[in-house]
Protein backbone atom coordinates (compact mmCIF):
# COMPACT_ATOMS: atom_id res chain seq x y z
CA MET A 1 -26.43 169.94 164.60
CA THR A 2 -22.82 168.69 164.93
CA PHE A 3 -20.31 171.57 166.81
CA ALA A 4 -18.61 171.58 163.39
CA SER A 5 -22.22 172.57 161.38
CA LEU A 6 -22.84 175.53 164.33
CA ILE A 7 -19.41 176.84 163.60
CA GLY A 8 -19.94 176.53 159.86
CA LYS A 9 -23.17 178.80 159.96
CA SER A 10 -21.91 181.10 162.40
CA LEU A 11 -18.79 182.04 159.54
CA PRO A 12 -19.39 184.18 156.33
CA LYS A 13 -19.90 181.46 153.54
CA PRO A 14 -17.18 181.99 151.83
CA ILE A 15 -14.91 181.14 154.72
CA SER A 16 -16.98 178.93 155.42
CA TYR A 17 -16.43 176.44 151.71
CA PHE A 18 -12.74 177.49 152.43
CA LEU A 19 -12.26 175.96 155.46
CA ARG A 20 -14.58 172.56 154.71
CA PRO A 21 -11.93 170.83 153.01
CA TYR A 22 -9.86 171.24 155.53
CA TRP A 23 -12.31 169.92 158.87
CA HIS A 24 -13.01 167.01 156.77
CA LYS A 25 -9.54 165.95 156.62
CA VAL A 26 -8.67 167.03 160.49
CA ARG A 27 -12.13 164.75 161.32
CA ASP A 28 -10.74 162.06 159.26
CA TYR A 29 -7.16 161.65 160.71
CA ILE A 30 -8.89 162.18 164.50
CA GLY A 31 -11.43 159.27 163.54
CA PHE A 32 -8.99 157.08 162.26
CA LYS A 33 -6.85 157.69 165.04
CA ILE A 34 -9.71 157.08 167.76
CA GLN A 35 -11.88 154.19 165.89
CA HIS A 36 -9.18 152.21 164.12
CA LYS A 37 -6.42 153.25 166.45
CA GLY A 38 -4.33 153.72 163.00
CA ARG A 39 -1.34 155.22 162.44
CA LEU A 40 0.12 157.91 159.81
CA TYR A 41 3.32 157.39 159.08
CA PHE A 42 6.44 159.07 155.94
CA ASP A 43 7.82 156.09 154.03
CA LYS A 44 11.48 157.27 152.81
CA LYS A 45 11.67 153.81 150.78
CA ILE A 46 8.72 154.60 148.75
CA GLY A 47 8.61 158.28 148.76
CA GLU A 48 5.05 158.00 150.56
CA TRP A 49 2.86 158.57 153.14
CA VAL A 50 1.58 155.54 154.77
CA ALA A 51 -1.93 154.38 156.69
CA ILE A 52 -1.73 151.43 159.12
CA ARG A 53 -5.01 149.79 160.66
CA THR A 54 -5.42 146.72 162.58
CA PHE A 55 -7.64 143.78 161.24
CA ASN A 56 -7.90 140.75 163.15
CA ASN A 57 -5.11 141.62 166.05
CA LYS A 58 -2.93 141.85 163.06
CA PRO A 59 -1.33 145.49 161.90
CA LEU A 60 -2.31 146.23 158.00
CA GLY A 61 0.02 148.96 155.86
CA VAL A 62 -1.44 150.22 153.14
CA THR A 63 0.00 153.07 150.77
CA VAL A 64 -1.54 156.75 150.84
CA ARG A 65 -1.47 159.22 148.06
CA SER A 66 -3.99 161.47 148.48
CA TYR A 67 -6.62 162.36 150.76
CA ARG A 68 -9.10 160.15 148.76
CA GLN A 69 -6.81 157.01 149.20
CA PHE A 70 -6.60 158.17 153.14
CA ARG A 71 -10.61 158.31 153.21
CA ARG A 72 -11.50 155.22 151.42
CA TYR A 73 -8.98 152.92 153.82
CA TYR A 74 -10.38 155.14 157.03
CA GLN A 75 -14.08 154.28 155.86
CA PHE A 76 -13.07 150.43 154.89
CA GLY A 77 -15.76 148.27 156.28
CA ARG A 78 -17.48 151.15 158.03
CA HIS A 79 -20.62 149.29 156.44
CA ASP A 80 -19.86 145.98 158.22
CA ARG A 81 -23.23 144.32 158.67
CA ASP A 82 -24.41 145.55 154.82
CA ASP A 83 -21.22 145.14 153.17
CA VAL A 84 -21.44 141.90 151.91
CA VAL A 85 -18.08 141.94 149.89
CA TYR A 86 -16.59 143.10 153.34
CA LEU A 87 -18.55 139.66 154.59
CA TRP A 88 -17.29 137.59 152.38
CA MET A 89 -13.46 138.66 152.40
CA ASN A 90 -13.36 137.92 156.34
CA SER A 91 -15.37 134.64 155.33
CA ILE A 92 -13.47 132.93 152.58
CA ASP A 93 -10.82 130.79 154.84
CA ASP A 94 -10.65 128.50 151.96
CA CYS A 95 -8.93 130.65 149.36
CA SER A 96 -5.98 129.81 147.38
CA VAL A 97 -5.69 132.56 144.60
CA LEU A 98 -7.81 135.41 144.71
CA TYR A 99 -8.51 137.28 140.81
CA ASP A 100 -8.97 140.97 141.90
CA ILE A 101 -10.74 142.23 139.20
CA GLY A 102 -10.99 146.09 139.26
CA SER A 103 -8.45 146.67 142.07
CA SER A 104 -8.46 150.15 142.03
CA ASN A 105 -5.68 150.70 145.32
CA GLY A 106 -5.75 147.11 146.04
CA LEU A 107 -7.16 147.31 149.61
CA GLU A 108 -9.41 143.81 149.42
CA GLY A 109 -7.13 142.05 147.56
CA PHE A 110 -4.10 143.22 150.40
CA LEU A 111 -6.89 142.44 153.16
CA VAL A 112 -7.40 139.08 152.22
CA ASN A 113 -3.97 138.19 151.75
CA HIS A 114 -3.57 139.66 155.26
CA LEU A 115 -6.25 137.80 156.39
CA TRP A 116 -5.92 134.25 154.55
CA GLY A 117 -2.50 134.36 153.33
CA SER A 118 -3.64 133.92 149.79
CA LYS A 119 -2.42 134.50 146.15
CA ILE A 120 -3.58 137.91 145.22
CA VAL A 121 -3.65 138.32 140.95
CA PHE A 122 -4.62 142.26 140.87
CA VAL A 123 -6.04 143.50 137.48
CA GLU A 124 -5.98 147.02 136.77
CA PRO A 125 -5.70 149.51 133.91
CA PHE A 126 -4.99 153.19 135.80
CA THR A 127 -1.41 153.79 136.09
CA PRO A 128 -1.65 155.80 139.30
CA SER A 129 -3.40 152.81 140.88
CA ILE A 130 -0.58 150.27 140.19
CA GLU A 131 1.80 152.66 141.46
CA THR A 132 -0.39 152.36 144.45
CA ILE A 133 -0.29 148.62 144.32
CA LEU A 134 2.92 148.44 143.83
CA LYS A 135 4.32 150.34 146.82
CA THR A 136 1.97 148.79 149.28
CA ILE A 137 3.88 145.33 147.66
CA VAL A 138 6.79 146.71 148.82
CA LEU A 139 5.40 147.65 152.44
CA GLN A 140 4.49 143.84 152.81
CA GLY A 141 8.17 142.97 152.79
CA GLU A 142 10.51 140.47 150.60
CA SER A 143 9.32 137.68 151.95
CA LYS A 144 5.76 138.40 150.74
CA LYS A 145 6.52 139.56 147.62
CA ASP A 146 5.49 136.36 145.41
CA ASN A 147 2.57 136.27 146.97
CA PHE A 148 0.98 139.00 144.47
CA GLU A 149 0.94 139.12 140.70
CA VAL A 150 0.03 142.69 139.14
CA LEU A 151 -1.38 143.23 135.45
CA GLN A 152 -1.75 146.58 134.09
CA ALA A 153 -4.89 145.64 131.70
CA GLY A 154 -8.29 146.00 131.26
CA CYS A 155 -10.92 143.02 131.84
CA ASP A 156 -12.65 142.06 128.71
CA SER A 157 -14.38 139.58 126.67
CA ASP A 158 -10.46 138.74 125.08
CA MET A 159 -7.22 139.50 124.99
CA GLY A 160 -5.63 142.18 123.24
CA HIS A 161 -5.27 145.81 123.76
CA ARG A 162 -7.86 148.34 124.21
CA LYS A 163 -8.30 152.59 124.81
CA LEU A 164 -8.88 153.60 128.18
CA TYR A 165 -10.04 156.43 128.65
CA MET A 166 -10.00 159.07 131.14
CA HIS A 167 -12.90 161.15 132.58
CA HIS A 168 -10.37 162.21 135.02
CA GLY A 169 -7.50 163.84 135.83
CA PRO A 170 -4.72 160.42 135.90
CA ILE A 171 -4.82 161.71 140.22
CA PRO A 172 -4.25 158.20 142.51
CA GLY A 173 -7.47 157.09 144.23
CA VAL A 174 -9.70 159.12 140.81
CA ASN A 175 -11.08 156.01 139.30
CA ARG A 176 -13.27 157.27 136.39
CA ASN A 177 -11.88 155.21 133.44
CA SER A 178 -13.24 153.61 130.31
CA VAL A 179 -11.55 150.49 129.11
CA GLY A 180 -13.24 150.99 125.65
CA LYS A 181 -16.19 152.04 124.47
CA PRO A 182 -18.06 154.27 127.29
CA GLU A 183 -21.27 153.55 126.24
CA ASP A 184 -20.61 150.00 126.80
CA TYR A 185 -21.04 150.50 130.43
CA ASP A 186 -23.87 150.05 132.31
CA ARG A 187 -23.80 152.06 135.22
CA GLY A 188 -25.40 155.48 133.31
CA GLY A 189 -24.10 158.69 131.98
CA ARG A 190 -20.21 157.59 131.14
CA GLN A 191 -20.60 157.95 127.35
CA ASP A 192 -21.54 161.81 128.59
CA GLN A 193 -18.25 162.44 130.39
CA PRO A 194 -15.70 164.51 128.90
CA ILE A 195 -12.46 162.10 127.87
CA LEU A 196 -9.17 164.40 129.02
CA CYS A 197 -6.69 161.70 127.78
CA HIS A 198 -6.64 158.26 126.75
CA GLN A 199 -3.62 155.21 126.73
CA TRP A 200 -3.10 152.26 125.35
CA ILE A 201 -3.41 149.38 127.49
CA MET A 202 -3.39 145.20 127.35
CA SER A 203 -6.81 143.96 127.45
CA VAL A 204 -7.36 140.17 129.36
CA SER A 205 -10.00 137.83 129.66
CA LEU A 206 -10.59 135.92 132.67
CA ASP A 207 -9.76 132.83 130.98
CA GLY A 208 -7.27 133.96 129.53
CA MET A 209 -5.49 134.53 132.43
CA HIS A 210 -5.25 130.87 133.33
CA TRP A 211 -4.86 129.39 130.00
CA GLU A 212 -2.81 131.55 128.30
CA LEU A 213 -0.39 133.66 131.03
CA ASP A 214 -0.37 130.76 132.88
CA LEU A 215 -1.65 132.22 136.11
CA PRO A 216 -2.74 129.73 138.58
CA LYS A 217 -6.88 129.29 138.72
CA PRO A 218 -8.12 131.11 140.95
CA THR A 219 -10.64 129.52 143.94
CA HIS A 220 -11.76 132.90 143.81
CA ILE A 221 -13.04 136.39 142.35
CA LYS A 222 -13.71 139.77 142.73
CA ILE A 223 -15.39 141.48 140.23
CA ASP A 224 -15.27 145.76 140.46
CA VAL A 225 -15.88 147.18 136.87
CA ASP A 226 -18.50 150.08 137.03
CA GLY A 227 -21.01 148.52 134.89
CA PHE A 228 -18.41 146.61 132.45
CA GLU A 229 -18.84 143.31 134.45
CA ASN A 230 -20.81 141.18 131.58
CA HIS A 231 -18.44 141.70 129.22
CA VAL A 232 -15.60 140.42 131.52
CA LEU A 233 -18.15 137.44 132.30
CA MET A 234 -17.85 137.08 128.49
CA GLY A 235 -14.71 135.65 128.77
CA ALA A 236 -14.78 133.38 131.64
CA LYS A 237 -16.79 130.94 129.74
CA LYS A 238 -14.25 127.66 130.81
CA LEU A 239 -14.04 128.98 134.24
CA LEU A 240 -17.31 128.64 134.98
CA GLU A 241 -17.75 125.39 132.98
CA ASP A 242 -14.68 124.46 135.29
CA GLY A 243 -15.81 124.95 138.81
CA CYS A 244 -12.98 126.13 140.22
CA VAL A 245 -14.11 128.90 141.56
CA HIS A 246 -15.46 128.89 144.92
CA SER A 247 -17.55 131.46 145.10
CA TRP A 248 -17.60 135.48 143.16
CA ALA A 249 -18.42 138.89 144.82
CA ILE A 250 -19.56 140.71 141.73
CA GLU A 251 -20.91 144.20 141.80
CA LEU A 252 -23.58 144.70 139.54
CA ASN A 253 -24.88 147.91 138.18
CA GLY A 254 -28.36 148.73 136.15
CA HIS A 255 -31.10 146.38 136.29
CA GLU A 256 -31.31 144.67 133.44
CA ASN A 257 -27.16 144.34 133.80
CA GLN A 258 -28.30 142.68 136.89
CA ARG A 259 -30.97 140.33 136.15
CA LYS A 260 -28.68 139.27 133.08
CA ILE A 261 -25.57 138.73 135.46
CA ILE A 262 -27.56 136.98 137.88
CA SER A 263 -29.12 134.39 135.20
CA ILE A 264 -25.89 133.39 133.57
CA MET A 265 -24.13 132.60 137.39
CA GLU A 266 -27.28 130.29 137.93
CA LYS A 267 -26.88 128.62 134.59
CA SER A 268 -23.35 128.01 135.23
CA GLY A 269 -24.06 126.77 138.85
CA TYR A 270 -23.74 129.65 140.81
CA ASN A 271 -26.11 130.88 143.40
CA LEU A 272 -26.89 134.30 144.79
CA ILE A 273 -26.60 133.77 148.55
CA ALA A 274 -26.05 137.97 149.75
CA GLU A 275 -26.77 140.97 148.40
CA TRP A 276 -26.24 144.50 149.13
CA GLU A 277 -27.89 147.74 147.40
CA HIS A 278 -25.98 150.37 147.56
CA TYR A 279 -28.49 153.45 147.03
CA PRO A 280 -31.98 151.78 147.85
CA GLY A 281 -35.06 153.73 146.09
CA TYR A 282 -31.92 155.05 143.32
CA LYS A 283 -33.46 154.63 139.99
CA HIS A 284 -30.28 153.47 138.35
CA TYR A 285 -29.50 150.01 140.57
CA SER A 286 -25.72 149.38 141.85
CA GLY A 287 -25.01 147.12 144.41
CA ASP A 288 -22.80 143.53 145.57
CA ALA A 289 -23.88 140.10 145.35
CA ILE A 290 -22.46 136.83 146.83
CA PHE A 291 -22.31 133.82 143.95
CA VAL A 292 -21.32 130.43 145.67
CA ARG A 293 -21.30 127.51 143.67
CA GLN A 294 -24.33 125.41 144.35
CA ASP A 295 -22.77 122.36 146.22
CA LEU A 296 -20.86 125.28 148.67
CA VAL A 297 -23.90 127.09 149.77
CA SER A 298 -24.75 125.60 152.85
CA LYS A 299 -20.62 125.46 153.92
CA TYR A 300 -20.61 129.45 153.25
CA GLN A 301 -24.40 130.93 154.15
CA GLU A 302 -22.87 129.22 157.57
CA LYS A 303 -19.28 131.32 157.43
CA LEU A 304 -21.08 134.65 156.69
CA SER A 305 -23.39 134.21 159.77
CA LYS A 306 -20.37 133.45 162.06
CA VAL A 307 -18.48 136.44 160.58
CA LEU A 308 -21.58 138.61 160.92
CA SER A 309 -22.16 137.58 164.48
CA LYS A 310 -19.25 138.82 165.73
CA LYS A 311 -20.06 142.17 164.29
């Protein structure tokens, strides 16, 4: 039992419940300072708080507009030996262009750019997250602004427009939204969530981003869309046939969806080389998977092993 737990148990429950969130914030800030030698300051230029951590001996500053966003950055990579996406990001030194689908606050894209100088295409439908991404781009400096493209859009099977349904208020760091019909998500339970408001947004397909919007072809793609990944891959038929993508990092949700995505990728010439189940034993599957083009499998396995050996 921790010292904080002992103190909490000694206090009346109403006072303990009242103080708990404040203690969590203090604890995380202290952990950020000690574990990461992190720094937190207010940037007048963007009118927001900025958190700075070091990766590969280089500091990376990102915008934090809520405690949730700060905690996400503090905990970023904390499961580094299991988190295959984090290991993957640290190994893709051949990444010229990353499509970051379901960017949220953009941490993965900013880290890949920070480590490898890659061009990043962010695709995110949620306005508070887009604002966070844009402000973090400003922090990177004017010389790097052309390294980033930002699409406020949902990624789907085709180009068009969709409704974005918000199951939470539009708060920075909260991403409980549905592009199109909530029942199309394989994560489970989303169709039962209340809808507080909705917004019309553009929808893009992975193929359309290059062949219609003329964005550069991706060499790597990260997809984190909370159970909508099957729809996203339906819009990537040309990219899968083209073979320009070296590797994919895809969050998979639901056992049926997991099997379906693995089958699509294997038929398209990509092998599953690493997987991390988020909640082992839980009835609803959720995990991350790394798929690599068949001719690059050995190379990528070696890269991941080298990164893992340094952890």
